[in-house]
Protein backbone atom coordinates (compact mmCIF):
# COMPACT_ATOMS: atom_id res chain seq x y z
CA MET A 1 -4.40 3.12 26.29
CA LYS A 2 -6.80 4.96 24.00
CA ALA A 3 -7.60 3.41 20.65
CA ILE A 4 -10.12 3.66 17.82
CA GLU A 5 -12.29 0.61 17.24
CA ILE A 6 -14.89 -0.46 14.70
CA THR A 7 -18.09 -0.83 16.70
CA ARG A 8 -20.03 -2.57 13.89
CA PRO A 9 -19.84 -2.79 10.10
CA GLY A 10 -20.83 0.46 8.43
CA GLY A 11 -19.80 3.97 7.48
CA PRO A 12 -17.34 6.32 9.19
CA GLU A 13 -19.81 6.82 12.04
CA VAL A 14 -19.03 3.34 13.40
CA LEU A 15 -15.49 4.40 14.36
CA ALA A 16 -15.24 5.29 18.06
CA PHE A 17 -12.66 5.81 20.77
CA CYS A 18 -12.28 3.09 23.36
CA ASP A 19 -10.02 2.03 26.21
CA ARG A 20 -7.94 -1.06 25.48
CA PRO A 21 -5.25 -2.94 27.39
CA MET A 22 -1.69 -2.27 26.34
CA PRO A 23 -0.56 -4.67 23.59
CA GLN A 24 1.23 -7.83 24.66
CA LEU A 25 4.92 -7.61 23.78
CA GLY A 26 6.43 -10.82 22.40
CA PRO A 27 10.16 -11.59 22.61
CA ASP A 28 10.68 -10.60 18.95
CA ASP A 29 8.50 -7.48 19.09
CA VAL A 30 8.90 -3.81 19.84
CA LEU A 31 6.32 -1.54 21.45
CA ILE A 32 5.86 1.72 19.56
CA ARG A 33 4.40 4.88 21.05
CA VAL A 34 2.46 5.91 17.97
CA LYS A 35 2.90 9.43 16.61
CA ALA A 36 1.07 8.99 13.30
CA ALA A 37 -0.91 6.29 11.50
CA ALA A 38 -1.97 6.14 7.88
CA VAL A 39 -5.50 5.41 6.69
CA ASN A 40 -5.56 2.71 4.02
CA ARG A 41 -8.13 1.06 1.78
CA PRO A 42 -7.99 -2.18 3.85
CA ASP A 43 -9.02 -0.12 6.91
CA VAL A 44 -12.07 1.07 4.99
CA GLN A 45 -12.89 -2.46 3.86
CA GLN A 46 -12.50 -3.76 7.43
CA ARG A 47 -14.80 -0.99 8.67
CA ARG A 48 -17.40 -2.10 6.13
CA GLY A 49 -17.16 -5.70 7.32
CA LEU A 50 -15.51 -6.89 4.10
CA TYR A 51 -11.93 -7.50 5.28
CA PRO A 52 -11.65 -9.31 8.61
CA PRO A 53 -8.24 -9.33 10.31
CA PRO A 54 -6.29 -12.57 10.02
CA PRO A 55 -6.28 -15.05 12.93
CA GLY A 56 -4.27 -13.79 15.86
CA ALA A 57 -4.30 -10.13 14.76
CA THR A 58 -5.99 -7.38 16.76
CA ASP A 59 -9.39 -6.17 15.62
CA LEU A 60 -8.19 -2.55 15.80
CA PRO A 61 -7.63 -1.01 12.35
CA GLY A 62 -4.42 0.57 11.16
CA LEU A 63 -1.68 -1.10 9.09
CA ASP A 64 1.19 1.37 9.21
CA VAL A 65 2.52 3.66 11.90
CA SER A 66 5.42 5.86 12.86
CA GLY A 67 6.58 6.67 16.34
CA VAL A 68 9.14 6.09 19.07
CA ILE A 69 10.09 2.68 20.42
CA GLU A 70 8.98 2.47 24.04
CA GLN A 71 10.15 -1.07 24.82
CA VAL A 72 11.87 -3.99 23.08
CA GLY A 73 11.33 -7.72 23.45
CA ALA A 74 13.89 -10.02 24.99
CA ASN A 75 15.26 -11.22 21.62
CA VAL A 76 15.47 -7.82 19.92
CA THR A 77 18.97 -6.45 19.39
CA GLN A 78 18.64 -4.19 16.35
CA TRP A 79 16.42 -1.60 18.06
CA GLN A 80 16.34 0.08 21.44
CA ALA A 81 14.01 2.33 23.40
CA GLY A 82 14.01 5.85 21.99
CA ASP A 83 14.58 4.87 18.36
CA GLU A 84 12.32 6.62 15.86
CA VAL A 85 10.80 4.16 13.40
CA CYS A 86 8.02 3.51 10.94
CA ALA A 87 6.55 0.06 10.54
CA LEU A 88 4.11 -2.12 8.67
CA VAL A 89 1.87 -3.59 11.38
CA ASN A 90 -0.63 -6.43 11.40
CA GLY A 91 -3.35 -4.16 12.81
CA GLY A 92 -3.71 -1.86 15.77
CA GLY A 93 -2.23 1.30 14.26
CA TYR A 94 -5.15 3.44 15.42
CA ALA A 95 -3.95 3.47 19.02
CA GLU A 96 -1.56 5.20 21.38
CA PHE A 97 0.68 2.11 21.46
CA CYS A 98 1.24 -0.66 18.95
CA ALA A 99 3.26 -3.89 19.21
CA VAL A 100 4.96 -5.01 16.00
CA PRO A 101 7.60 -7.59 15.04
CA ALA A 102 10.98 -5.85 15.12
CA LEU A 103 11.75 -7.12 11.60
CA GLN A 104 8.92 -5.00 10.19
CA CYS A 105 10.35 -1.74 11.51
CA MET A 106 12.43 0.71 9.48
CA PRO A 107 14.21 3.93 10.43
CA LEU A 108 12.59 7.18 9.38
CA PRO A 109 14.15 8.34 6.10
CA LYS A 110 16.48 11.25 6.83
CA GLY A 111 14.52 14.51 6.82
CA SER A 112 11.10 12.84 7.14
CA SER A 113 8.59 13.79 9.82
CA PHE A 114 6.50 11.22 11.69
CA VAL A 115 3.50 12.12 9.50
CA GLU A 116 5.53 11.65 6.31
CA ALA A 117 7.04 8.38 7.52
CA ALA A 118 3.65 6.92 8.50
CA ALA A 119 2.56 7.23 4.86
CA LEU A 120 5.35 4.94 3.63
CA PRO A 121 5.13 1.33 4.90
CA GLU A 122 1.85 -0.08 3.57
CA ALA A 123 2.17 1.55 0.14
CA PHE A 124 5.82 0.74 -0.43
CA PHE A 125 5.69 -2.77 1.07
CA THR A 126 2.72 -3.57 -1.18
CA ALA A 127 4.26 -2.08 -4.31
CA TRP A 128 7.58 -3.85 -3.70
CA ASN A 129 5.95 -7.21 -3.00
CA ASN A 130 3.73 -7.11 -6.07
CA VAL A 131 5.72 -5.22 -8.69
CA ILE A 132 9.31 -6.15 -7.87
CA TRP A 133 8.89 -9.63 -6.37
CA LEU A 134 5.72 -11.16 -7.81
CA GLY A 135 5.61 -9.07 -10.99
CA ARG A 136 9.35 -9.54 -11.55
CA LEU A 137 9.55 -6.17 -13.30
CA SER A 138 12.84 -6.06 -15.21
CA ASP A 139 14.86 -3.19 -16.63
CA GLY A 140 13.11 -1.42 -19.49
CA GLU A 141 9.85 -3.37 -19.31
CA THR A 142 6.38 -1.80 -19.51
CA LEU A 143 4.22 -1.58 -16.37
CA LEU A 144 0.48 -0.76 -16.31
CA VAL A 145 -0.68 0.61 -12.95
CA GLN A 146 -4.43 0.65 -12.42
CA GLY A 147 -5.31 3.58 -10.13
CA GLY A 148 -2.10 5.56 -10.34
CA THR A 149 -2.87 8.09 -7.61
CA SER A 150 -3.52 5.59 -4.83
CA GLY A 151 -0.71 5.29 -2.31
CA VAL A 152 0.34 1.95 -3.78
CA GLY A 153 0.00 3.25 -7.32
CA MET A 154 2.21 6.25 -6.71
CA ALA A 155 4.82 4.11 -5.00
CA ALA A 156 4.75 1.63 -7.89
CA ILE A 157 5.11 4.31 -10.58
CA GLN A 158 8.11 5.87 -8.91
CA MET A 159 9.92 2.65 -8.03
CA ALA A 160 9.40 1.31 -11.56
CA LYS A 161 10.91 4.46 -13.08
CA GLN A 162 13.74 4.99 -10.62
CA LEU A 163 14.83 1.39 -10.10
CA ARG A 164 13.96 -0.32 -13.39
CA GLY A 165 13.82 2.47 -15.96
CA ALA A 166 10.43 1.06 -16.94
CA ARG A 167 7.90 2.55 -19.31
CA VAL A 168 4.90 3.23 -17.06
CA ILE A 169 1.26 3.53 -18.07
CA ALA A 170 -1.14 4.67 -15.34
CA THR A 171 -4.92 4.90 -15.22
CA ALA A 172 -6.69 7.63 -13.30
CA GLY A 173 -10.21 9.01 -13.20
CA THR A 174 -9.66 12.74 -13.73
CA ASP A 175 -7.37 15.04 -15.69
CA GLU A 176 -5.91 16.27 -12.40
CA LYS A 177 -5.04 12.75 -11.29
CA GLN A 178 -3.57 11.90 -14.68
CA SER A 179 -1.42 15.02 -14.46
CA LYS A 180 -0.14 13.92 -11.04
CA CYS A 181 0.76 10.49 -12.44
CA ARG A 182 2.80 12.11 -15.21
CA GLU A 183 4.42 14.47 -12.73
CA ILE A 184 5.85 11.55 -10.73
CA GLY A 185 7.05 9.58 -13.73
CA ALA A 186 4.24 7.94 -15.71
CA ASP A 187 4.97 8.05 -19.43
CA ILE A 188 1.37 7.52 -20.54
CA THR A 189 -1.90 8.13 -18.69
CA VAL A 190 -5.44 7.13 -19.62
CA SER A 191 -8.82 7.50 -17.95
CA TYR A 192 -10.32 4.33 -16.53
CA ARG A 193 -13.72 5.98 -16.99
CA GLY A 194 -13.35 5.67 -20.76
CA ASP A 195 -12.24 2.83 -23.02
CA TRP A 196 -8.90 2.44 -21.29
CA VAL A 197 -8.02 -0.74 -23.19
CA ALA A 198 -8.38 1.00 -26.55
CA ASP A 199 -6.42 3.97 -25.24
CA VAL A 200 -3.55 1.76 -24.09
CA VAL A 201 -3.50 -0.11 -27.41
CA ALA A 202 -3.55 3.20 -29.31
CA ALA A 203 -0.57 4.41 -27.29
CA ILE A 204 1.68 1.34 -27.41
CA GLY A 205 0.05 -1.34 -29.56
CA LYS A 206 -1.30 -4.79 -28.69
CA GLU A 207 0.48 -7.28 -26.45
CA LYS A 208 3.07 -4.75 -25.29
CA VAL A 209 2.51 -4.66 -21.51
CA ASP A 210 4.87 -6.79 -19.42
CA VAL A 211 3.37 -6.31 -15.94
CA VAL A 212 -0.04 -5.13 -14.72
CA LEU A 213 -0.67 -4.06 -11.12
CA ASP A 214 -4.42 -4.14 -10.49
CA GLY A 215 -6.87 -3.98 -7.59
CA GLN A 216 -10.10 -4.18 -9.62
CA ALA A 217 -10.18 -7.76 -11.02
CA GLY A 218 -13.65 -8.87 -12.19
CA PRO A 219 -14.16 -7.83 -15.83
CA TYR A 220 -10.74 -6.12 -15.92
CA THR A 221 -8.93 -9.44 -15.63
CA GLU A 222 -9.34 -10.83 -19.14
CA LYS A 223 -8.83 -7.38 -20.69
CA GLN A 224 -5.49 -7.10 -18.92
CA LEU A 225 -4.42 -10.57 -19.98
CA GLN A 226 -5.13 -9.59 -23.58
CA LEU A 227 -2.79 -6.60 -23.25
CA LEU A 228 0.16 -8.67 -22.04
CA ALA A 229 3.23 -9.39 -24.08
CA PRO A 230 4.41 -13.01 -24.16
CA ASP A 231 5.59 -14.04 -20.67
CA GLY A 232 3.65 -11.09 -19.20
CA ARG A 233 2.32 -10.97 -15.65
CA VAL A 234 -0.92 -9.68 -14.09
CA VAL A 235 -0.69 -9.19 -10.32
CA LEU A 236 -3.95 -8.67 -8.40
CA ILE A 237 -3.95 -6.97 -5.00
CA ALA A 238 -7.74 -6.70 -4.56
CA SER A 239 -11.02 -7.45 -6.35
CA HIS A 240 -13.09 -4.29 -6.07
CA LEU A 241 -15.01 -4.96 -9.32
CA GLY A 242 -15.77 -8.59 -8.56
CA GLU A 243 -14.24 -11.77 -7.23
CA MET A 244 -15.11 -13.82 -10.32
CA ALA A 245 -13.63 -13.46 -13.82
CA GLU A 246 -13.86 -15.40 -17.06
CA VAL A 247 -10.47 -15.75 -18.73
CA ASN A 248 -9.12 -17.36 -21.90
CA VAL A 249 -6.94 -20.14 -20.52
CA ARG A 250 -5.66 -21.09 -23.97
CA ASN A 251 -4.29 -17.56 -24.30
CA ILE A 252 -2.52 -17.91 -20.95
CA VAL A 253 -0.94 -21.20 -22.00
CA ARG A 254 -0.05 -20.18 -25.53
CA ARG A 255 1.70 -16.97 -24.53
CA ARG A 256 3.09 -18.20 -21.19
CA LEU A 257 1.22 -15.60 -19.13
CA THR A 258 1.10 -15.40 -15.35
CA LEU A 259 -2.02 -14.44 -13.38
CA THR A 260 -1.25 -14.15 -9.68
CA GLY A 261 -2.17 -12.19 -6.57
CA SER A 262 -1.23 -11.59 -2.99
CA THR A 263 -2.28 -10.55 0.46
CA LEU A 264 0.63 -9.31 2.53
CA ARG A 265 -1.04 -9.03 5.93
CA PRO A 266 -1.03 -12.79 6.80
CA ARG A 267 2.60 -13.24 5.71
CA PRO A 268 5.12 -14.06 8.47
CA ALA A 269 7.42 -11.42 9.92
CA THR A 270 10.43 -13.01 8.22
CA TYR A 271 8.86 -12.40 4.79
CA LYS A 272 7.96 -8.80 5.60
CA GLY A 273 11.37 -8.28 7.17
CA ARG A 274 13.05 -9.11 3.86
CA ILE A 275 10.95 -6.46 2.15
CA ALA A 276 11.79 -3.95 4.89
CA SER A 277 15.51 -4.56 4.41
CA GLU A 278 15.30 -4.11 0.65
CA LEU A 279 13.25 -0.92 0.99
CA VAL A 280 15.74 0.62 3.40
CA GLU A 281 18.65 -0.36 1.16
CA GLN A 282 17.21 0.56 -2.24
CA VAL A 283 14.26 2.96 -1.78
CA TRP A 284 15.07 4.99 1.33
CA PRO A 285 18.11 6.68 -0.34
CA LEU A 286 15.86 7.71 -3.24
CA ILE A 287 13.35 9.23 -0.81
CA GLU A 288 16.11 11.05 1.06
CA SER A 289 17.50 12.47 -2.19
CA GLY A 290 14.06 13.52 -3.43
CA ARG A 291 14.06 11.20 -6.45
CA ILE A 292 11.05 9.39 -4.95
CA GLN A 293 8.44 11.67 -3.45
CA ASN A 294 6.13 10.93 -0.55
CA HIS A 295 2.66 12.19 -1.40
CA ILE A 296 0.25 13.01 1.43
CA CYS A 297 -3.22 14.15 0.45
CA ALA A 298 -4.50 15.17 3.89
CA THR A 299 -3.60 14.99 7.57
CA PHE A 300 -6.17 14.72 10.37
CA ASP A 301 -6.03 14.73 14.14
CA TRP A 302 -7.09 11.22 15.07
CA ARG A 303 -10.10 12.68 16.88
CA ASP A 304 -11.33 13.42 13.34
CA VAL A 305 -10.89 9.85 12.10
CA ARG A 306 -14.45 9.81 10.76
CA ASP A 307 -13.63 12.74 8.49
CA ALA A 308 -10.52 10.93 7.28
CA HIS A 309 -12.57 7.85 6.40
CA ALA A 310 -15.22 9.99 4.70
CA LEU A 311 -12.49 11.37 2.46
CA MET A 312 -11.42 7.82 1.60
CA ASP A 313 -15.04 6.85 0.89
CA ALA A 314 -15.35 9.74 -1.56
CA GLY A 315 -12.43 8.32 -3.53
CA GLU A 316 -11.07 11.74 -4.47
CA GLN A 317 -7.79 11.60 -2.54
CA VAL A 318 -4.44 11.81 -4.31
CA GLY A 319 -1.83 10.03 -2.22
CA LYS A 320 -2.07 9.06 1.42
CA VAL A 321 -4.33 10.13 4.30
CA VAL A 322 -2.61 10.26 7.70
CA LEU A 323 -3.81 10.56 11.30
CA ARG A 324 -1.78 12.48 13.89
CA VAL A 325 -2.03 10.47 17.10
CA GLU A 326 -2.09 12.68 20.20
CA ALA A 327 -2.51 11.72 23.85
CA ILE A 328 -6.10 12.14 25.06
C-alpha cells in the first residue's frame, strides 16, 4: 500500500510517500480502506521528533480516519466488510489501509461525508476523556477552554454547552477566532495574547472556574490553579509552554484542587471503546441534529500533505484540517 512517512525530524518537507506492507490484522481488529484522515497537533509534534509513537504502534502518522471496512478479525462481530466507519487509531492514518481495534470504530453520523467524519474522532475522544471523565464537568459549572478554536477546543465548548449547560470561557488569539468561539457557544472570550487572567477575573470574579482544559502548561499552570473555585480541576493535555511549573501546593490542599493530565494514545482499546460508545450514544445525535457542528478549516488531497502541515505550523487554522486519501 501507499503511505506517508516521516523521513526524519523536521518541517513539512520531511513527509514523503512510501510503499509499506499491508497492516497486520489482529483477531479483534478491522482493516479500513481509508477515505480521509485528519491532521492533528500530535502528528506535527511527531514530525518534529517531539512525540514518538508508543511501543507497538506504527511509525506512520495519523490518529483518526474514516473509510470502509475491508476485512474483520476473527473475533469481530459488531462490524462487517462494507461498513462505513470513522475511528480513533493508534497511528497509521496517513495510508491507503489502516488496522484498528474494532472497539475504536464508530458509524458515520447520519448525513456526514467521509471528510466530515474523519474530523471527529481525535477531537471528540480527547474532549470527552478530559472534560467529561477527568474534568468531571457537572451541570451548570464553569469551564475555561484554552485555545477555543482548536479541534479539541471546539468539541469541548459545544459538548459543555449542549450536554452540561455549562458557562464556557474560551481563549483565542484573534478577534475572528473569539467570534467563532462565541458562535459555537462560548459565553465569554478573551485573548491569550493579553492579560487573560485579569480578563477572566474581570468577567466572572476570582475563584469561579470549575474546570480548565489546557494544552500549554508551564507558566499557565499556577495561574489556572489560582482561578479555580474550591474543588476545581485543571486538566492538562499537552505542555507547549514548558514541561515544568511551579505551583502553590498549600493552595491545592486548602481548596481541594485537582491538577491532572492525560495521554489517550497509549490507553487500551477497552478504555477507548467506552468513550466511543458514549460518543455514539450522547454526541452523535447532537451532530446529526445540527446542535453540535463539525468545523473543518481546510481539506487537502493527501498528495499535498506538506501544505496541510504548513497550515498547521502557521497556527492560523480554525477547526480541523483533513486529507482526502485517494489511490495512487
